[in-house]
Amino acid sequence: MNHESFQVKESERTTNSWDMFATWIGANANNGTWFVGGVLAACGFVLATKILVLSSALSYLFLSLVGYIGYKTGLSTMTIARASFGERGSYLPSLVNITQFIGWTAVNTFIAAQSVSLLLKDLFMMDNETLGLTIGIIVMSILHILSVASGSKSIQLIERIGVALVFIFVIWESIAVFKAVSLNQIISWKVPNSSKMALGSAIDYVAAFNLAWVTAGADFTRFTKKKSNSTIAPFWGALTGVIWFAVIGLISTISIAITSGVYNANNSDPSTIASKLGLGIVALLVIILTSMTANAVNLLAAGSALSNIFPKIRLKYSLWIVVGAATIVTFIPMFVGSFLETFESFLDYVGMVLGPTVAIICTDYYLIKKKNYNINQFGKKFGEYWYKSGINWKAVIVFIAGIIIFLLGKNAPFLSTTVGITFIDIAICSCLYWILMKK
C-alpha cells in the first residue's frame, strides 16, 4: 500500500483556524459532555469545576501532541500508529478507536433518542417509551448518515451550523437555570453522602472522556497548513467546549437537585434536564442537533480507523459502515439496566485502553524517533515500520501492561481518593516503552 494513497498533500489542506477551533468546540458541544458534567455534580460544584479544568487541560496537551504529528505527516492518527505498533500491529489501536468512537456515537445517539421520544410524547401523546426510543435511534441514525454523506466536507458544514445554534441553546439553558436558583445556592449545595464521588475516580472519569478525542487528533489536523491550527486551536477549542458544556450540565443538575430536593445522577442527561427546566420542544430539537455535531467527529475518527485496517475501503463507505454498527450498539442500554451504569462501564474501558495507546504513540514520535518519521516507509511490507511480521511486539507488551496497571490501580483506595490511575498509567507506559525501544 503506497503512502500517497492515505497522506493529505499540502495542496489539499483547506481547514482554517476557525474551522479547526469550531470542530473541537463542536466535538464537546454535545449530549455526552452535559451528561459528564451532571454526573460530576456528585463532587459538588467547586471541586467538580477544579477537576474538570485540570484533568481536561492535561488530557488536551496530548491532543496537541498528536495534532502536531498529523500536521507534520499529513497522516491520520491510526496510520501514524503504524510507526510505533507496526504496519499490522496498528490494527490493535485501530480496533480500539473503532470500538470507542462507535461507543461515543451510541452514547450521544441514545441521549438524542430520548429527546425524540419526549418530542413524540409532547406532540403525539406517545407514552410507549421503548417505541419512542426505538424510533429516536432510527431517526438519529438516518441523520448521521446524512451528516457524513460526503465525508469531511459535510462534516465541516454540520460543525459550522451546529456550533452557532448550540451556543444559543447554552445561553438559553443558563438563563433558565439562574431563574430557578442563584449561583450562591449552586456553589453552597452539599452532595448527599451516599452519592459522593471520590476525587481520584472523578479525575479518571474526566480523563477518559477527554482522552477519547486524542486518538482522533491527527485525523483533523492533517487537513491544515498551519502549525498553530494543529496544536493551539484543538487545545483551546476542546478545552473551551468541555468546560463550557460540562459546567452547564453541572449547574443544571444541581439546580434540579435544589428545587426538587433530590439528587439523582440518572437524571443528568440533557433531555431530562431540558424537560424538567420546562425548555420545551425547541430545546429538544437543539439537543438532537448537538448529537450530530459531536457524532460527525466520532464517525470520522471511527471511519479513518476502519480504513487503516482495510485501506481498499474508501472513507465514505467506512463512515456508512460505522454508522450501521453504532446504530446496533445504541440499543444496548435499553436491555442491560440503567444508561448511567452502561456509560460508566464504557468510560472505564476507554480509560483502560487509551492511556497506553496515547503513551506509546507520543513517546515513539517525540522521544524515540525524534520527530522524524519517514513518510515513504508507511504502508511498505518489510519497510522501516514492519518490525517482526508487521508487528512491534514491544508496543503490544506495553499496551497489555498498561491495561493490567489500570485494572490493578482503578479500585486501589489510595489512588481512587487522590490522583486516580489514568495519568499514572500513561507515565508508566511511556517510560516502559522508552526503555524497551532503547534496548
Protein backbone atom coordinates (compact mmCIF):
# COMPACT_ATOMS: atom_id res chain seq x y z
CA MET A 1 0.00 0.00 0.00
CA ASN A 2 1.59 3.29 -1.10
CA HIS A 3 1.76 6.05 1.50
CA GLU A 4 0.45 8.56 -1.07
CA SER A 5 -3.00 6.92 -1.00
CA PHE A 6 -3.59 7.95 2.62
CA GLN A 7 -1.47 11.09 3.02
CA VAL A 8 -3.13 14.51 2.75
CA LYS A 9 -0.98 16.64 0.47
CA GLU A 10 -0.17 20.31 1.17
CA SER A 11 -2.39 21.43 -1.73
CA GLU A 12 -5.36 19.54 -0.26
CA ARG A 13 -5.18 21.18 3.17
CA THR A 14 -8.03 23.67 3.41
CA THR A 15 -9.02 23.73 7.11
CA ASN A 16 -8.57 27.24 8.52
CA SER A 17 -8.22 28.44 12.11
CA TRP A 18 -11.93 28.99 12.71
CA ASP A 19 -12.89 25.60 11.24
CA MET A 20 -10.37 23.81 13.47
CA PHE A 21 -11.44 25.73 16.56
CA ALA A 22 -15.14 25.16 15.75
CA THR A 23 -14.55 21.46 15.08
CA TRP A 24 -13.13 20.90 18.55
CA ILE A 25 -15.69 23.05 20.33
CA GLY A 26 -18.32 21.13 18.36
CA ALA A 27 -16.73 17.87 19.44
CA ASN A 28 -17.54 18.73 23.06
CA ALA A 29 -20.73 20.70 22.39
CA ASN A 30 -22.76 17.58 22.86
CA ASN A 31 -25.03 15.47 24.99
CA GLY A 32 -22.22 13.38 26.45
CA THR A 33 -20.43 16.46 27.80
CA TRP A 34 -23.60 17.69 29.51
CA PHE A 35 -24.05 14.23 30.98
CA VAL A 36 -20.46 14.13 32.28
CA GLY A 37 -20.99 17.49 33.95
CA GLY A 38 -24.21 16.27 35.54
CA VAL A 39 -22.58 13.17 36.96
CA LEU A 40 -19.68 15.30 38.30
CA ALA A 41 -22.27 17.07 40.46
CA ALA A 42 -21.57 14.18 42.84
CA CYS A 43 -18.36 16.07 43.75
CA GLY A 44 -20.08 19.39 44.46
CA PHE A 45 -19.75 22.49 42.27
CA VAL A 46 -16.33 23.83 43.37
CA LEU A 47 -14.44 20.51 43.39
CA ALA A 48 -16.11 19.34 40.18
CA THR A 49 -15.05 22.54 38.39
CA LYS A 50 -11.42 22.18 39.55
CA ILE A 51 -11.30 18.54 38.43
CA LEU A 52 -12.89 19.43 35.10
CA VAL A 53 -10.37 22.18 34.30
CA LEU A 54 -7.19 20.39 35.44
CA SER A 55 -7.93 16.89 34.16
CA SER A 56 -9.20 18.26 30.82
CA ALA A 57 -6.20 20.57 30.30
CA LEU A 58 -3.75 17.73 30.96
CA SER A 59 -5.64 15.43 28.59
CA TYR A 60 -5.68 18.01 25.82
CA LEU A 61 -1.93 18.52 26.00
CA PHE A 62 -1.82 15.06 24.43
CA LEU A 63 -4.35 16.22 21.83
CA SER A 64 -1.89 18.96 20.80
CA LEU A 65 0.98 16.48 20.70
CA VAL A 66 -0.92 14.09 18.43
CA GLY A 67 -2.33 17.01 16.41
CA TYR A 68 1.17 18.22 15.62
CA ILE A 69 2.15 14.77 14.31
CA GLY A 70 -0.85 14.87 11.96
CA TYR A 71 0.14 18.32 10.71
CA LYS A 72 3.76 17.26 10.10
CA THR A 73 2.99 13.96 8.38
CA GLY A 74 -0.40 14.53 6.73
CA LEU A 75 -1.50 11.16 8.12
CA SER A 76 -4.42 10.07 10.31
CA THR A 77 -3.72 9.02 13.91
CA MET A 78 -4.16 5.33 13.21
CA THR A 79 -1.88 5.48 10.17
CA ILE A 80 0.69 7.23 12.37
CA ALA A 81 0.34 4.34 14.83
CA ARG A 82 1.98 2.10 12.21
CA ALA A 83 5.33 3.66 13.11
CA SER A 84 5.07 2.57 16.74
CA PHE A 85 2.87 -0.54 16.65
CA GLY A 86 3.99 -1.81 13.24
CA GLU A 87 2.12 -1.98 9.93
CA ARG A 88 -0.07 -4.85 11.13
CA GLY A 89 0.29 -4.04 14.80
CA SER A 90 -1.55 -0.75 14.17
CA TYR A 91 -4.71 -2.81 13.73
CA LEU A 92 -4.77 -3.07 17.54
CA PRO A 93 -5.15 0.68 18.28
CA SER A 94 -7.38 0.93 15.20
CA LEU A 95 -9.78 -1.60 16.72
CA VAL A 96 -9.63 0.37 19.97
CA ASN A 97 -10.52 3.54 18.08
CA ILE A 98 -13.34 1.90 16.15
CA THR A 99 -14.94 0.47 19.29
CA GLN A 100 -14.58 3.60 21.41
CA PHE A 101 -15.85 6.04 18.77
CA ILE A 102 -18.75 3.77 17.90
CA GLY A 103 -19.41 3.73 21.65
CA TRP A 104 -19.35 7.55 21.86
CA THR A 105 -21.65 7.76 18.85
CA ALA A 106 -24.03 5.41 20.64
CA VAL A 107 -23.90 7.46 23.86
CA ASN A 108 -24.81 10.71 22.08
CA THR A 109 -27.38 8.97 19.91
CA PHE A 110 -29.13 7.37 22.89
CA ILE A 111 -29.44 10.72 24.69
CA ALA A 112 -30.72 12.36 21.49
CA ALA A 113 -33.16 9.45 21.05
CA GLN A 114 -34.54 10.30 24.50
CA SER A 115 -35.24 13.80 23.15
CA VAL A 116 -37.01 12.32 20.14
CA SER A 117 -39.04 10.13 22.50
CA LEU A 118 -40.03 13.18 24.60
CA LEU A 119 -40.96 15.06 21.41
CA LEU A 120 -43.20 12.20 20.32
CA LYS A 121 -44.81 12.23 23.74
CA ASP A 122 -45.41 16.00 23.66
CA LEU A 123 -46.59 16.20 20.06
CA PHE A 124 -48.41 12.90 19.53
CA MET A 125 -49.13 11.69 23.09
CA MET A 126 -46.96 8.59 22.52
CA ASP A 127 -46.43 7.19 26.02
CA ASN A 128 -44.64 3.98 24.99
CA GLU A 129 -41.04 4.82 25.98
CA THR A 130 -39.49 1.75 24.31
CA LEU A 131 -41.19 2.53 20.99
CA GLY A 132 -40.24 6.20 21.32
CA LEU A 133 -36.57 5.35 21.94
CA THR A 134 -36.55 2.89 19.03
CA ILE A 135 -37.95 5.50 16.65
CA GLY A 136 -35.48 8.03 18.07
CA ILE A 137 -32.46 5.77 17.43
CA ILE A 138 -33.58 5.11 13.86
CA VAL A 139 -34.21 8.83 13.19
CA MET A 140 -30.80 9.80 14.61
CA SER A 141 -29.03 7.12 12.57
CA ILE A 142 -30.59 8.48 9.37
CA LEU A 143 -29.46 11.99 10.32
CA HIS A 144 -25.94 10.68 10.95
CA ILE A 145 -25.79 9.09 7.51
CA LEU A 146 -26.79 12.46 6.00
CA SER A 147 -24.17 14.30 8.09
CA VAL A 148 -21.31 12.13 6.80
CA ALA A 149 -22.71 11.66 3.28
CA SER A 150 -19.79 13.34 1.52
CA GLY A 151 -17.03 12.73 4.07
CA SER A 152 -15.07 15.58 5.62
CA LYS A 153 -16.88 18.32 3.61
CA SER A 154 -20.34 17.56 5.00
CA ILE A 155 -18.83 17.17 8.49
CA GLN A 156 -17.24 20.62 8.18
CA LEU A 157 -20.63 22.11 7.17
CA ILE A 158 -22.51 20.47 10.06
CA GLU A 159 -19.92 21.80 12.53
CA ARG A 160 -20.22 25.38 11.25
CA ILE A 161 -24.01 25.41 11.53
CA GLY A 162 -24.22 23.33 14.68
CA VAL A 163 -21.78 25.24 16.86
CA ALA A 164 -23.62 28.56 16.38
CA LEU A 165 -27.01 27.09 17.27
CA VAL A 166 -25.64 25.16 20.23
CA PHE A 167 -24.13 28.36 21.69
CA ILE A 168 -27.57 29.97 21.63
CA PHE A 169 -29.06 26.97 23.43
CA VAL A 170 -26.37 27.01 26.12
CA ILE A 171 -27.12 30.66 26.90
CA TRP A 172 -30.85 29.87 26.94
CA GLU A 173 -30.41 26.95 29.35
CA SER A 174 -28.15 29.05 31.60
CA ILE A 175 -30.84 31.75 31.85
CA ALA A 176 -33.44 29.10 32.71
CA VAL A 177 -31.21 27.68 35.48
CA PHE A 178 -30.50 31.04 37.12
CA LYS A 179 -34.16 31.96 37.04
CA ALA A 180 -34.79 28.97 39.29
CA VAL A 181 -31.74 29.16 41.59
CA SER A 182 -28.88 31.54 42.37
CA LEU A 183 -25.16 30.91 41.81
CA ASN A 184 -24.73 31.12 45.57
CA GLN A 185 -27.17 28.24 46.07
CA ILE A 186 -25.37 26.14 43.45
CA ILE A 187 -21.94 26.75 45.00
CA SER A 188 -23.12 26.02 48.55
CA TRP A 189 -25.15 22.91 47.65
CA LYS A 190 -23.92 19.82 49.55
CA VAL A 191 -23.76 16.40 47.94
CA PRO A 192 -25.62 13.68 49.87
CA ASN A 193 -23.03 11.38 51.49
CA SER A 194 -24.49 8.32 49.78
CA SER A 195 -23.94 9.91 46.35
CA LYS A 196 -20.43 11.39 46.72
CA MET A 197 -17.82 10.57 44.08
CA ALA A 198 -14.19 10.07 45.15
CA LEU A 199 -11.61 12.59 43.88
CA GLY A 200 -9.43 10.08 42.01
CA SER A 201 -12.46 8.40 40.43
CA ALA A 202 -13.67 11.78 39.17
CA ILE A 203 -10.23 12.58 37.68
CA ASP A 204 -10.24 9.23 35.85
CA TYR A 205 -13.82 9.83 34.74
CA VAL A 206 -12.97 13.20 33.13
CA ALA A 207 -9.66 11.93 31.72
CA ALA A 208 -11.33 9.01 29.94
CA PHE A 209 -13.89 11.35 28.41
CA ASN A 210 -11.21 13.75 27.12
CA LEU A 211 -8.57 11.23 26.03
CA ALA A 212 -11.15 9.79 23.68
CA TRP A 213 -10.57 12.78 21.40
CA VAL A 214 -6.77 12.48 21.47
CA THR A 215 -6.70 9.45 19.18
CA ALA A 216 -8.75 11.44 16.66
CA GLY A 217 -6.45 14.47 16.75
CA ALA A 218 -4.40 13.88 13.62
CA ASP A 219 -7.50 12.85 11.64
CA PHE A 220 -8.37 16.56 11.56
CA THR A 221 -5.05 18.40 11.86
CA ARG A 222 -3.73 16.68 8.72
CA PHE A 223 -6.14 18.93 6.80
CA THR A 224 -4.46 22.20 7.88
CA LYS A 225 -1.37 24.03 6.57
CA LYS A 226 -0.75 26.00 9.77
CA LYS A 227 1.14 24.67 12.79
CA SER A 228 -0.96 26.58 15.36
CA ASN A 229 -4.09 25.03 13.86
CA SER A 230 -2.73 21.62 14.85
CA THR A 231 -1.77 22.49 18.43
CA ILE A 232 -3.29 25.70 19.80
CA ALA A 233 -6.69 25.58 18.05
CA PRO A 234 -7.50 21.96 19.06
CA PHE A 235 -6.33 22.52 22.66
CA TRP A 236 -8.36 25.68 23.28
CA GLY A 237 -11.32 24.56 21.18
CA ALA A 238 -11.69 21.25 23.01
CA LEU A 239 -10.96 22.79 26.44
CA THR A 240 -13.44 25.63 25.89
CA GLY A 241 -16.10 23.20 24.72
CA VAL A 242 -15.70 20.70 27.55
CA ILE A 243 -15.58 23.28 30.34
CA TRP A 244 -18.48 25.31 28.99
CA PHE A 245 -20.83 22.43 28.28
CA ALA A 246 -19.92 20.24 31.24
CA VAL A 247 -20.45 23.20 33.58
CA ILE A 248 -23.90 23.70 32.03
CA GLY A 249 -24.70 20.06 32.81
CA LEU A 250 -23.23 20.53 36.29
CA ILE A 251 -25.25 23.61 37.25
CA SER A 252 -28.42 22.26 35.61
CA THR A 253 -28.25 19.02 37.56
CA ILE A 254 -27.52 20.83 40.84
CA SER A 255 -30.37 23.28 40.20
CA ILE A 256 -32.81 20.40 39.74
CA ALA A 257 -31.44 18.74 42.91
CA ILE A 258 -32.04 22.01 44.82
CA THR A 259 -35.56 22.65 43.51
CA SER A 260 -36.70 19.02 43.78
CA GLY A 261 -34.80 18.19 46.98
CA VAL A 262 -33.44 15.01 45.36
CA TYR A 263 -30.11 14.39 43.59
CA ASN A 264 -30.21 11.56 41.07
CA ALA A 265 -27.25 11.08 38.70
CA ASN A 266 -29.55 9.18 36.31
CA ASN A 267 -31.32 12.50 35.62
CA SER A 268 -28.12 14.17 34.39
CA ASP A 269 -28.79 13.74 30.67
CA PRO A 270 -29.74 16.87 28.68
CA SER A 271 -33.14 15.54 27.58
CA THR A 272 -34.32 15.03 31.16
CA ILE A 273 -32.77 18.33 32.27
CA ALA A 274 -34.44 20.28 29.42
CA SER A 275 -37.76 18.65 30.23
CA LYS A 276 -37.51 19.41 33.96
CA LEU A 277 -36.47 23.01 33.26
CA GLY A 278 -39.51 23.40 31.01
CA LEU A 279 -37.48 24.47 27.95
CA GLY A 280 -39.91 22.85 25.52
CA ILE A 281 -39.76 21.45 22.01
CA VAL A 282 -37.09 23.79 20.60
CA ALA A 283 -34.63 22.68 23.30
CA LEU A 284 -35.17 19.03 22.44
CA LEU A 285 -34.57 19.80 18.75
CA VAL A 286 -31.26 21.53 19.60
CA ILE A 287 -30.20 18.51 21.68
CA ILE A 288 -30.80 16.37 18.60
CA LEU A 289 -28.57 18.75 16.62
CA THR A 290 -25.77 18.53 19.21
CA SER A 291 -25.72 14.79 18.70
CA MET A 292 -24.98 15.39 15.03
CA THR A 293 -22.14 17.89 15.70
CA ALA A 294 -20.35 15.53 18.10
CA ASN A 295 -21.03 12.35 16.20
CA ALA A 296 -19.70 13.85 12.96
CA VAL A 297 -16.30 13.85 14.70
CA ASN A 298 -16.83 10.42 16.27
CA LEU A 299 -17.82 8.83 12.98
CA LEU A 300 -14.94 10.36 11.00
CA ALA A 301 -12.47 9.02 13.60
CA ALA A 302 -14.02 5.54 13.56
CA GLY A 303 -14.17 5.55 9.76
CA SER A 304 -10.50 6.57 9.49
CA ALA A 305 -9.51 3.74 11.84
CA LEU A 306 -11.52 1.24 9.77
CA SER A 307 -9.82 2.49 6.59
CA ASN A 308 -6.42 1.91 8.25
CA ILE A 309 -7.30 -1.78 8.70
CA PHE A 310 -8.95 -2.07 5.27
CA PRO A 311 -7.19 0.51 3.04
CA LYS A 312 -9.19 -0.53 -0.04
CA ILE A 313 -12.42 0.73 1.53
CA ARG A 314 -12.98 4.41 0.70
CA LEU A 315 -13.51 6.69 3.69
CA LYS A 316 -17.09 7.47 2.65
CA TYR A 317 -18.05 3.79 2.76
CA SER A 318 -16.16 3.27 6.03
CA LEU A 319 -18.31 6.04 7.52
CA TRP A 320 -21.51 4.30 6.42
CA ILE A 321 -20.32 1.02 7.95
CA VAL A 322 -19.57 2.59 11.34
CA VAL A 323 -22.95 4.39 11.34
CA GLY A 324 -24.63 0.99 10.94
CA ALA A 325 -22.54 -0.52 13.75
CA ALA A 326 -23.25 2.44 16.05
CA THR A 327 -26.98 2.08 15.44
CA ILE A 328 -26.87 -1.51 16.70
CA VAL A 329 -24.76 -0.59 19.76
CA THR A 330 -27.14 2.26 20.69
CA PHE A 331 -29.85 -0.27 21.56
CA ILE A 332 -27.69 -1.88 24.30
CA PRO A 333 -28.71 0.44 27.22
CA MET A 334 -32.36 -0.50 26.58
CA PHE A 335 -31.64 -4.09 27.62
CA VAL A 336 -28.81 -4.02 30.21
CA GLY A 337 -30.07 -1.78 33.01
CA SER A 338 -29.64 1.96 33.50
CA PHE A 339 -27.95 4.18 30.95
CA LEU A 340 -25.69 5.62 33.68
CA GLU A 341 -24.28 2.18 34.58
CA THR A 342 -23.64 1.41 30.91
CA PHE A 343 -21.95 4.79 30.44
CA GLU A 344 -19.65 4.40 33.44
CA SER A 345 -18.59 0.91 32.34
CA PHE A 346 -17.84 2.31 28.89
CA LEU A 347 -15.69 5.09 30.39
CA ASP A 348 -13.67 2.50 32.34
CA TYR A 349 -12.99 0.67 29.07
CA VAL A 350 -11.97 3.90 27.31
CA GLY A 351 -9.54 4.93 30.06
CA MET A 352 -8.08 1.42 30.21
CA VAL A 353 -7.17 1.16 26.50
CA LEU A 354 -6.48 4.78 25.54
CA GLY A 355 -3.87 5.60 28.20
CA PRO A 356 -1.36 3.03 26.88
CA THR A 357 -2.20 3.87 23.23
CA VAL A 358 -1.58 7.60 23.65
CA ALA A 359 1.60 6.98 25.67
CA ILE A 360 3.10 4.70 23.01
CA ILE A 361 2.27 6.97 20.02
CA CYS A 362 3.60 10.16 21.65
CA THR A 363 6.71 8.54 23.15
CA ASP A 364 7.61 6.93 19.83
CA TYR A 365 7.37 10.14 17.79
CA TYR A 366 8.89 12.63 20.22
CA LEU A 367 11.44 10.57 22.19
CA ILE A 368 12.33 7.52 20.10
CA LYS A 369 12.11 8.84 16.51
CA LYS A 370 12.94 12.47 17.47
CA LYS A 371 10.05 13.95 15.41
CA ASN A 372 11.33 12.28 12.26
CA TYR A 373 9.04 9.77 10.54
CA ASN A 374 9.98 8.50 7.08
CA ILE A 375 6.70 9.08 5.24
CA ASN A 376 7.83 6.98 2.26
CA GLN A 377 8.05 3.92 4.53
CA PHE A 378 4.42 3.94 5.67
CA GLY A 379 2.45 1.11 4.11
CA LYS A 380 5.54 -0.79 2.96
CA LYS A 381 5.79 -4.50 3.61
CA PHE A 382 9.24 -5.25 5.10
CA GLY A 383 9.84 -1.48 5.37
CA GLU A 384 11.12 0.56 8.29
CA TYR A 385 7.91 0.13 10.27
CA TRP A 386 7.43 -3.56 9.59
CA TYR A 387 9.31 -4.75 12.70
CA LYS A 388 8.68 -8.52 13.12
CA SER A 389 5.93 -9.96 10.92
CA GLY A 390 4.44 -6.47 10.71
CA ILE A 391 4.12 -6.07 14.49
CA ASN A 392 6.21 -4.20 17.04
CA TRP A 393 5.79 -6.67 19.90
CA LYS A 394 7.39 -4.25 22.37
CA ALA A 395 4.48 -1.85 21.81
CA VAL A 396 1.99 -4.70 22.24
CA ILE A 397 3.66 -5.73 25.52
CA VAL A 398 3.46 -2.16 26.83
CA PHE A 399 -0.19 -1.92 25.76
CA ILE A 400 -1.08 -5.10 27.66
CA ALA A 401 0.97 -3.96 30.68
CA GLY A 402 -0.92 -0.66 30.63
CA ILE A 403 -4.26 -2.47 30.78
CA ILE A 404 -3.08 -4.57 33.73
CA ILE A 405 -1.77 -1.48 35.56
CA PHE A 406 -5.11 0.28 35.02
CA LEU A 407 -7.14 -2.68 36.31
CA LEU A 408 -4.91 -3.05 39.39
CA GLY A 409 -4.96 0.67 40.19
CA LYS A 410 -8.56 1.51 39.31
CA ASN A 411 -10.01 0.47 42.66
CA ALA A 412 -6.89 0.93 44.80
CA PRO A 413 -8.16 3.02 47.76
CA PHE A 414 -5.20 5.43 47.80
CA LEU A 415 -5.45 6.23 44.06
CA SER A 416 -9.25 6.39 43.90
CA THR A 417 -9.28 9.05 46.64
CA THR A 418 -6.31 11.11 45.35
CA VAL A 419 -4.98 11.32 41.77
CA GLY A 420 -6.63 8.38 40.02
CA ILE A 421 -4.84 5.84 37.84
CA THR A 422 -5.16 7.17 34.27
CA PHE A 423 -2.30 9.69 34.13
CA ILE A 424 -0.04 7.47 36.25
CA ASP A 425 -0.72 4.66 33.78
CA ILE A 426 0.27 6.93 30.87
CA ALA A 427 3.54 7.92 32.59
CA ILE A 428 4.47 4.29 33.39
CA CYS A 429 3.66 3.11 29.85
CA SER A 430 5.71 5.93 28.36
CA CYS A 431 8.76 5.03 30.48
CA LEU A 432 8.34 1.32 29.82
CA TYR A 433 8.09 1.83 26.05
CA TRP A 434 11.15 4.11 26.03
CA ILE A 435 13.20 1.54 27.98
CA LEU A 436 12.17 -1.38 25.74
CA MET A 437 12.77 0.53 22.50
CA LYS A 438 16.17 1.76 23.63
CA LYS A 439 17.20 -1.82 24.29
